[in-house]
């Protein structure tokens, strides 16, 4: 079943209580992963542009909420979002 695309605001609201931990880094993008109270896996991507990543402090043991991370894209087991205004 394909994931439903939702707006950035809906994604932020839906996963505002999830605590994210650093998962990986690849080509200027930091990926963080968290789980909802129901066990649903949620991944978000932060950065994406070389200028932005140098502002990010990453600690593998710290947890972050979605408002702190300000991701430009994300996905869960059921939904996905991409901020098309991110690069403007």
PDB file of N, CA and C in Angstrom:
ATOM      1  N   UNK A   1       0.844  -1.175   0.000  1.00  0.00           N
ATOM      2  CA  UNK A   1       0.000   0.000   0.000  1.00  0.00           C
ATOM      3  C   UNK A   1       0.893   1.243   0.000  1.00  0.00           C
ATOM      4  N   UNK A   2       0.678   2.192  -0.930  1.00  0.00           N
ATOM      5  CA  UNK A   2       1.512   3.400  -0.975  1.00  0.00           C
ATOM      6  C   UNK A   2       1.236   4.308   0.217  1.00  0.00           C
ATOM      7  N   UNK A   3       2.273   5.037   0.599  1.00  0.00           N
ATOM      8  CA  UNK A   3       2.128   5.968   1.711  1.00  0.00           C
ATOM      9  C   UNK A   3       1.371   7.208   1.253  1.00  0.00           C
ATOM     10  N   UNK A   4       0.590   7.764   2.144  1.00  0.00           N
ATOM     11  CA  UNK A   4      -0.177   8.961   1.839  1.00  0.00           C
ATOM     12  C   UNK A   4       0.717  10.187   1.997  1.00  0.00           C
ATOM     13  N   UNK A   5       0.735  11.060   1.006  1.00  0.00           N
ATOM     14  CA  UNK A   5       1.485  12.315   1.098  1.00  0.00           C
ATOM     15  C   UNK A   5       0.624  13.329   1.849  1.00  0.00           C
ATOM     16  N   UNK A   6       1.229  13.958   2.867  1.00  0.00           N
ATOM     17  CA  UNK A   6       0.515  14.967   3.643  1.00  0.00           C
ATOM     18  C   UNK A   6       1.339  16.245   3.673  1.00  0.00           C
ATOM     19  N   UNK A   7       0.719  17.329   4.129  1.00  0.00           N
ATOM     20  CA  UNK A   7       1.394  18.624   4.218  1.00  0.00           C
ATOM     21  C   UNK A   7       2.361  18.628   5.389  1.00  0.00           C
ATOM     22  N   UNK A   8       3.357  19.490   5.289  1.00  0.00           N
ATOM     23  CA  UNK A   8       4.378  19.598   6.331  1.00  0.00           C
ATOM     24  C   UNK A   8       3.749  19.877   7.692  1.00  0.00           C
ATOM     25  N   UNK A   9       2.769  20.770   7.728  1.00  0.00           N
ATOM     26  CA  UNK A   9       2.131  21.127   8.998  1.00  0.00           C
ATOM     27  C   UNK A   9       1.442  19.918   9.635  1.00  0.00           C
ATOM     28  N   UNK A  10       0.811  19.102   8.801  1.00  0.00           N
ATOM     29  CA  UNK A  10       0.136  17.905   9.301  1.00  0.00           C
ATOM     30  C   UNK A  10       1.142  16.910   9.870  1.00  0.00           C
ATOM     31  N   UNK A  11       2.270  16.752   9.182  1.00  0.00           N
ATOM     32  CA  UNK A  11       3.310  15.834   9.640  1.00  0.00           C
ATOM     33  C   UNK A  11       3.877  16.300  10.979  1.00  0.00           C
ATOM     34  N   UNK A  12       4.190  17.603  11.068  1.00  0.00           N
ATOM     35  CA  UNK A  12       4.730  18.155  12.317  1.00  0.00           C
ATOM     36  C   UNK A  12       3.750  17.946  13.461  1.00  0.00           C
ATOM     37  N   UNK A  13       2.467  18.183  13.220  1.00  0.00           N
ATOM     38  CA  UNK A  13       1.457  18.023  14.263  1.00  0.00           C
ATOM     39  C   UNK A  13       1.304  16.554  14.666  1.00  0.00           C
ATOM     40  N   UNK A  14       1.283  15.685  13.681  1.00  0.00           N
ATOM     41  CA  UNK A  14       1.082  14.257  13.950  1.00  0.00           C
ATOM     42  C   UNK A  14       2.215  13.660  14.778  1.00  0.00           C
ATOM     43  N   UNK A  15       3.445  14.126  14.548  1.00  0.00           N
ATOM     44  CA  UNK A  15       4.607  13.520  15.200  1.00  0.00           C
ATOM     45  C   UNK A  15       5.318  14.463  16.169  1.00  0.00           C
ATOM     46  N   UNK A  16       4.593  15.436  16.692  1.00  0.00           N
ATOM     47  CA  UNK A  16       5.197  16.421  17.602  1.00  0.00           C
ATOM     48  C   UNK A  16       5.675  15.809  18.918  1.00  0.00           C
ATOM     49  N   UNK A  17       5.130  14.673  19.303  1.00  0.00           N
ATOM     50  CA  UNK A  17       5.512  14.041  20.572  1.00  0.00           C
ATOM     51  C   UNK A  17       6.588  12.962  20.425  1.00  0.00           C
ATOM     52  N   UNK A  18       7.060  12.747  19.206  1.00  0.00           N
ATOM     53  CA  UNK A  18       8.084  11.731  18.961  1.00  0.00           C
ATOM     54  C   UNK A  18       9.464  12.280  19.303  1.00  0.00           C
ATOM     55  N   UNK A  19      10.254  11.488  19.992  1.00  0.00           N
ATOM     56  CA  UNK A  19      11.653  11.840  20.264  1.00  0.00           C
ATOM     57  C   UNK A  19      12.526  11.156  19.217  1.00  0.00           C
ATOM     58  N   UNK A  20      13.324  11.968  18.525  1.00  0.00           N
ATOM     59  CA  UNK A  20      14.167  11.469  17.444  1.00  0.00           C
ATOM     60  C   UNK A  20      15.616  11.385  17.877  1.00  0.00           C
ATOM     61  N   UNK A  21      16.302  10.352  17.397  1.00  0.00           N
ATOM     62  CA  UNK A  21      17.743  10.187  17.617  1.00  0.00           C
ATOM     63  C   UNK A  21      18.442  10.122  16.269  1.00  0.00           C
ATOM     64  N   UNK A  22      19.677  10.593  16.256  1.00  0.00           N
ATOM     65  CA  UNK A  22      20.471  10.560  15.034  1.00  0.00           C
ATOM     66  C   UNK A  22      20.608   9.133  14.533  1.00  0.00           C
ATOM     67  N   UNK A  23      20.411   8.956  13.216  1.00  0.00           N
ATOM     68  CA  UNK A  23      20.521   7.636  12.610  1.00  0.00           C
ATOM     69  C   UNK A  23      21.682   7.567  11.620  1.00  0.00           C
ATOM     70  N   UNK A  24      21.785   8.566  10.721  1.00  0.00           N
ATOM     71  CA  UNK A  24      22.836   8.511   9.703  1.00  0.00           C
ATOM     72  C   UNK A  24      23.065   9.887   9.081  1.00  0.00           C
ATOM     73  N   UNK A  25      24.158   9.965   8.343  1.00  0.00           N
ATOM     74  CA  UNK A  25      24.494  11.171   7.586  1.00  0.00           C
ATOM     75  C   UNK A  25      24.941  10.736   6.198  1.00  0.00           C
ATOM     76  N   UNK A  26      24.408  11.405   5.155  1.00  0.00           N
ATOM     77  CA  UNK A  26      24.798  11.093   3.785  1.00  0.00           C
ATOM     78  C   UNK A  26      24.519  12.304   2.902  1.00  0.00           C
ATOM     79  N   UNK A  27      25.543  12.753   2.203  1.00  0.00           N
ATOM     80  CA  UNK A  27      25.423  13.847   1.235  1.00  0.00           C
ATOM     81  C   UNK A  27      24.646  15.041   1.784  1.00  0.00           C
ATOM     82  N   UNK A  28      25.142  15.636   2.836  1.00  0.00           N
ATOM     83  CA  UNK A  28      24.592  16.857   3.440  1.00  0.00           C
ATOM     84  C   UNK A  28      23.252  16.655   4.145  1.00  0.00           C
ATOM     85  N   UNK A  29      22.838  15.424   4.348  1.00  0.00           N
ATOM     86  CA  UNK A  29      21.555  15.172   5.009  1.00  0.00           C
ATOM     87  C   UNK A  29      21.754  14.320   6.255  1.00  0.00           C
ATOM     88  N   UNK A  30      21.241  14.824   7.371  1.00  0.00           N
ATOM     89  CA  UNK A  30      21.196  14.079   8.624  1.00  0.00           C
ATOM     90  C   UNK A  30      19.834  13.397   8.699  1.00  0.00           C
ATOM     91  N   UNK A  31      19.821  12.114   8.980  1.00  0.00           N
ATOM     92  CA  UNK A  31      18.565  11.384   9.144  1.00  0.00           C
ATOM     93  C   UNK A  31      18.408  11.022  10.615  1.00  0.00           C
ATOM     94  N   UNK A  32      17.224  11.279  11.128  1.00  0.00           N
ATOM     95  CA  UNK A  32      16.883  10.975  12.515  1.00  0.00           C
ATOM     96  C   UNK A  32      15.706  10.003  12.507  1.00  0.00           C
ATOM     97  N   UNK A  33      15.655   9.149  13.520  1.00  0.00           N
ATOM     98  CA  UNK A  33      14.583   8.163  13.628  1.00  0.00           C
ATOM     99  C   UNK A  33      13.981   8.198  15.018  1.00  0.00           C
ATOM    100  N   UNK A  34      12.672   8.009  15.058  1.00  0.00           N
ATOM    101  CA  UNK A  34      11.960   7.917  16.323  1.00  0.00           C
ATOM    102  C   UNK A  34      10.787   6.970  16.183  1.00  0.00           C
ATOM    103  N   UNK A  35      10.116   6.733  17.286  1.00  0.00           N
ATOM    104  CA  UNK A  35       8.967   5.829  17.293  1.00  0.00           C
ATOM    105  C   UNK A  35       7.822   6.472  18.062  1.00  0.00           C
ATOM    106  N   UNK A  36       6.622   6.308  17.549  1.00  0.00           N
ATOM    107  CA  UNK A  36       5.444   6.808  18.257  1.00  0.00           C
ATOM    108  C   UNK A  36       5.162   5.891  19.450  1.00  0.00           C
ATOM    109  N   UNK A  37       4.221   6.292  20.279  1.00  0.00           N
ATOM    110  CA  UNK A  37       3.840   5.459  21.430  1.00  0.00           C
ATOM    111  C   UNK A  37       3.208   4.145  20.973  1.00  0.00           C
ATOM    112  N   UNK A  38       2.732   4.102  19.725  1.00  0.00           N
ATOM    113  CA  UNK A  38       2.151   2.879  19.160  1.00  0.00           C
ATOM    114  C   UNK A  38       3.186   2.016  18.450  1.00  0.00           C
ATOM    115  N   UNK A  39       4.455   2.459  18.446  1.00  0.00           N
ATOM    116  CA  UNK A  39       5.521   1.682  17.819  1.00  0.00           C
ATOM    117  C   UNK A  39       5.748   1.976  16.347  1.00  0.00           C
ATOM    118  N   UNK A  40       5.067   2.986  15.809  1.00  0.00           N
ATOM    119  CA  UNK A  40       5.250   3.345  14.398  1.00  0.00           C
ATOM    120  C   UNK A  40       6.609   4.040  14.220  1.00  0.00           C
ATOM    121  N   UNK A  41       7.389   3.576  13.253  1.00  0.00           N
ATOM    122  CA  UNK A  41       8.695   4.168  12.980  1.00  0.00           C
ATOM    123  C   UNK A  41       8.519   5.439  12.155  1.00  0.00           C
ATOM    124  N   UNK A  42       9.264   6.497  12.545  1.00  0.00           N
ATOM    125  CA  UNK A  42       9.223   7.778  11.850  1.00  0.00           C
ATOM    126  C   UNK A  42      10.652   8.207  11.573  1.00  0.00           C
ATOM    127  N   UNK A  43      10.936   8.584  10.320  1.00  0.00           N
ATOM    128  CA  UNK A  43      12.253   9.094   9.952  1.00  0.00           C
ATOM    129  C   UNK A  43      12.103  10.478   9.355  1.00  0.00           C
ATOM    130  N   UNK A  44      13.040  11.371   9.696  1.00  0.00           N
ATOM    131  CA  UNK A  44      13.044  12.719   9.139  1.00  0.00           C
ATOM    132  C   UNK A  44      14.441  13.063   8.654  1.00  0.00           C
ATOM    133  N   UNK A  45      14.503  13.904   7.631  1.00  0.00           N
ATOM    134  CA  UNK A  45      15.775  14.356   7.074  1.00  0.00           C
ATOM    135  C   UNK A  45      15.947  15.849   7.327  1.00  0.00           C
ATOM    136  N   UNK A  46      17.151  16.197   7.763  1.00  0.00           N
ATOM    137  CA  UNK A  46      17.499  17.571   8.126  1.00  0.00           C
ATOM    138  C   UNK A  46      18.737  17.968   7.351  1.00  0.00           C
ATOM    139  N   UNK A  47      18.800  19.217   6.938  1.00  0.00           N
ATOM    140  CA  UNK A  47      19.971  19.703   6.207  1.00  0.00           C
ATOM    141  C   UNK A  47      19.686  19.756   4.736  1.00  0.00           C
ATOM    142  N   UNK A  48      20.410  18.936   3.978  1.00  0.00           N
ATOM    143  CA  UNK A  48      20.192  18.868   2.551  1.00  0.00           C
ATOM    144  C   UNK A  48      21.016  19.837   1.726  1.00  0.00           C
ATOM    145  N   UNK A  49      21.494  20.892   2.371  1.00  0.00           N
ATOM    146  CA  UNK A  49      22.312  21.906   1.702  1.00  0.00           C
ATOM    147  C   UNK A  49      23.574  22.091   2.535  1.00  0.00           C
ATOM    148  N   UNK A  50      24.717  22.157   1.885  1.00  0.00           N
ATOM    149  CA  UNK A  50      25.994  22.250   2.588  1.00  0.00           C
ATOM    150  C   UNK A  50      26.024  23.404   3.589  1.00  0.00           C
ATOM    151  N   UNK A  51      25.469  24.539   3.235  1.00  0.00           N
ATOM    152  CA  UNK A  51      25.478  25.703   4.126  1.00  0.00           C
ATOM    153  C   UNK A  51      24.711  25.458   5.418  1.00  0.00           C
ATOM    154  N   UNK A  52      23.674  24.640   5.365  1.00  0.00           N
ATOM    155  CA  UNK A  52      22.835  24.394   6.527  1.00  0.00           C
ATOM    156  C   UNK A  52      23.442  23.407   7.511  1.00  0.00           C
ATOM    157  N   UNK A  53      24.172  22.433   7.023  1.00  0.00           N
ATOM    158  CA  UNK A  53      24.611  21.355   7.909  1.00  0.00           C
ATOM    159  C   UNK A  53      25.646  21.798   8.927  1.00  0.00           C
ATOM    160  N   UNK A  54      26.394  22.847   8.626  1.00  0.00           N
ATOM    161  CA  UNK A  54      27.415  23.298   9.562  1.00  0.00           C
ATOM    162  C   UNK A  54      26.822  23.974  10.785  1.00  0.00           C
ATOM    163  N   UNK A  55      25.541  24.275  10.744  1.00  0.00           N
ATOM    164  CA  UNK A  55      24.838  24.875  11.877  1.00  0.00           C
ATOM    165  C   UNK A  55      24.318  23.810  12.842  1.00  0.00           C
ATOM    166  N   UNK A  56      24.332  22.568  12.417  1.00  0.00           N
ATOM    167  CA  UNK A  56      23.754  21.489  13.220  1.00  0.00           C
ATOM    168  C   UNK A  56      24.778  20.837  14.130  1.00  0.00           C
ATOM    169  N   UNK A  57      24.413  20.738  15.396  1.00  0.00           N
ATOM    170  CA  UNK A  57      25.209  20.003  16.366  1.00  0.00           C
ATOM    171  C   UNK A  57      24.536  18.644  16.536  1.00  0.00           C
ATOM    172  N   UNK A  58      25.293  17.583  16.404  1.00  0.00           N
ATOM    173  CA  UNK A  58      24.726  16.234  16.482  1.00  0.00           C
ATOM    174  C   UNK A  58      25.411  15.453  17.586  1.00  0.00           C
ATOM    175  N   UNK A  59      24.592  14.845  18.413  1.00  0.00           N
ATOM    176  CA  UNK A  59      25.092  13.952  19.452  1.00  0.00           C
ATOM    177  C   UNK A  59      24.239  12.685  19.385  1.00  0.00           C
ATOM    178  N   UNK A  60      24.866  11.559  19.221  1.00  0.00           N
ATOM    179  CA  UNK A  60      24.120  10.312  19.019  1.00  0.00           C
ATOM    180  C   UNK A  60      23.282   9.895  20.226  1.00  0.00           C
ATOM    181  N   UNK A  61      23.599  10.385  21.392  1.00  0.00           N
ATOM    182  CA  UNK A  61      22.821  10.000  22.574  1.00  0.00           C
ATOM    183  C   UNK A  61      21.695  10.983  22.892  1.00  0.00           C
ATOM    184  N   UNK A  62      21.682  12.147  22.243  1.00  0.00           N
ATOM    185  CA  UNK A  62      20.636  13.143  22.495  1.00  0.00           C
ATOM    186  C   UNK A  62      19.367  12.808  21.719  1.00  0.00           C
ATOM    187  N   UNK A  63      18.232  13.258  22.244  1.00  0.00           N
ATOM    188  CA  UNK A  63      16.966  13.142  21.524  1.00  0.00           C
ATOM    189  C   UNK A  63      16.476  14.541  21.179  1.00  0.00           C
ATOM    190  N   UNK A  64      15.765  14.636  20.078  1.00  0.00           N
ATOM    191  CA  UNK A  64      15.280  15.914  19.570  1.00  0.00           C
ATOM    192  C   UNK A  64      13.822  15.765  19.167  1.00  0.00           C
ATOM    193  N   UNK A  65      13.053  16.852  19.315  1.00  0.00           N
ATOM    194  CA  UNK A  65      11.681  16.816  18.812  1.00  0.00           C
ATOM    195  C   UNK A  65      11.652  17.410  17.408  1.00  0.00           C
ATOM    196  N   UNK A  66      10.544  17.277  16.750  1.00  0.00           N
ATOM    197  CA  UNK A  66      10.434  17.690  15.358  1.00  0.00           C
ATOM    198  C   UNK A  66      10.587  19.204  15.191  1.00  0.00           C
ATOM    199  N   UNK A  67      10.127  19.975  16.172  1.00  0.00           N
ATOM    200  CA  UNK A  67      10.256  21.429  16.098  1.00  0.00           C
ATOM    201  C   UNK A  67      11.717  21.860  16.170  1.00  0.00           C
ATOM    202  N   UNK A  68      12.498  21.178  16.954  1.00  0.00           N
ATOM    203  CA  UNK A  68      13.928  21.477  17.066  1.00  0.00           C
ATOM    204  C   UNK A  68      14.670  21.114  15.774  1.00  0.00           C
ATOM    205  N   UNK A  69      14.303  19.989  15.181  1.00  0.00           N
ATOM    206  CA  UNK A  69      15.004  19.512  13.990  1.00  0.00           C
ATOM    207  C   UNK A  69      14.638  20.280  12.724  1.00  0.00           C
ATOM    208  N   UNK A  70      13.386  20.682  12.580  1.00  0.00           N
ATOM    209  CA  UNK A  70      12.916  21.391  11.380  1.00  0.00           C
ATOM    210  C   UNK A  70      13.244  20.623  10.097  1.00  0.00           C
ATOM    211  N   UNK A  71      12.782  19.386   9.962  1.00  0.00           N
ATOM    212  CA  UNK A  71      13.111  18.587   8.773  1.00  0.00           C
ATOM    213  C   UNK A  71      12.444  19.113   7.507  1.00  0.00           C
ATOM    214  N   UNK A  72      13.077  18.825   6.373  1.00  0.00           N
ATOM    215  CA  UNK A  72      12.496  19.192   5.084  1.00  0.00           C
ATOM    216  C   UNK A  72      11.775  18.019   4.432  1.00  0.00           C
ATOM    217  N   UNK A  73      11.981  16.830   4.955  1.00  0.00           N
ATOM    218  CA  UNK A  73      11.211  15.679   4.487  1.00  0.00           C
ATOM    219  C   UNK A  73      11.156  14.640   5.587  1.00  0.00           C
ATOM    220  N   UNK A  74      10.149  13.789   5.484  1.00  0.00           N
ATOM    221  CA  UNK A  74      10.004  12.748   6.476  1.00  0.00           C
ATOM    222  C   UNK A  74       9.035  11.683   6.022  1.00  0.00           C
ATOM    223  N   UNK A  75       9.089  10.565   6.716  1.00  0.00           N
ATOM    224  CA  UNK A  75       8.171   9.477   6.411  1.00  0.00           C
ATOM    225  C   UNK A  75       7.960   8.627   7.647  1.00  0.00           C
ATOM    226  N   UNK A  76       6.789   8.035   7.665  1.00  0.00           N
ATOM    227  CA  UNK A  76       6.474   7.055   8.708  1.00  0.00           C
ATOM    228  C   UNK A  76       6.015   5.795   8.001  1.00  0.00           C
ATOM    229  N   UNK A  77       5.489   4.871   8.771  1.00  0.00           N
ATOM    230  CA  UNK A  77       4.981   3.646   8.167  1.00  0.00           C
ATOM    231  C   UNK A  77       3.768   3.925   7.273  1.00  0.00           C
ATOM    232  N   UNK A  78       3.081   5.060   7.508  1.00  0.00           N
ATOM    233  CA  UNK A  78       1.829   5.316   6.785  1.00  0.00           C
ATOM    234  C   UNK A  78       1.816   6.581   5.929  1.00  0.00           C
ATOM    235  N   UNK A  79       2.625   7.589   6.277  1.00  0.00           N
ATOM    236  CA  UNK A  79       2.566   8.870   5.556  1.00  0.00           C
ATOM    237  C   UNK A  79       3.960   9.372   5.198  1.00  0.00           C
ATOM    238  N   UNK A  80       3.998  10.358   4.311  1.00  0.00           N
ATOM    239  CA  UNK A  80       5.245  10.981   3.909  1.00  0.00           C
ATOM    240  C   UNK A  80       5.006  12.462   3.642  1.00  0.00           C
ATOM    241  N   UNK A  81       6.060  13.272   3.766  1.00  0.00           N
ATOM    242  CA  UNK A  81       5.952  14.674   3.383  1.00  0.00           C
ATOM    243  C   UNK A  81       7.279  15.137   2.810  1.00  0.00           C
ATOM    244  N   UNK A  82       7.209  16.155   1.970  1.00  0.00           N
ATOM    245  CA  UNK A  82       8.383  16.821   1.439  1.00  0.00           C
ATOM    246  C   UNK A  82       8.069  18.302   1.351  1.00  0.00           C
ATOM    247  N   UNK A  83       8.956  19.135   1.880  1.00  0.00           N
ATOM    248  CA  UNK A  83       8.751  20.584   1.843  1.00  0.00           C
ATOM    249  C   UNK A  83       9.323  21.126   0.541  1.00  0.00           C
ATOM    250  N   UNK A  84       8.460  21.353  -0.423  1.00  0.00           N
ATOM    251  CA  UNK A  84       8.897  21.834  -1.739  1.00  0.00           C
ATOM    252  C   UNK A  84       9.401  23.278  -1.696  1.00  0.00           C
ATOM    253  N   UNK A  85       9.129  24.000  -0.618  1.00  0.00           N
ATOM    254  CA  UNK A  85       9.606  25.377  -0.473  1.00  0.00           C
ATOM    255  C   UNK A  85      10.981  25.447   0.180  1.00  0.00           C
ATOM    256  N   UNK A  86      11.499  24.303   0.588  1.00  0.00           N
ATOM    257  CA  UNK A  86      12.744  24.255   1.360  1.00  0.00           C
ATOM    258  C   UNK A  86      13.928  24.904   0.646  1.00  0.00           C
ATOM    259  N   UNK A  87      14.055  24.688  -0.642  1.00  0.00           N
ATOM    260  CA  UNK A  87      15.218  25.184  -1.379  1.00  0.00           C
ATOM    261  C   UNK A  87      15.022  26.576  -1.968  1.00  0.00           C
ATOM    262  N   UNK A  88      13.874  27.172  -1.719  1.00  0.00           N
ATOM    263  CA  UNK A  88      13.606  28.510  -2.272  1.00  0.00           C
ATOM    264  C   UNK A  88      14.161  29.579  -1.375  1.00  0.00           C
TER     265      UNK A  88
END
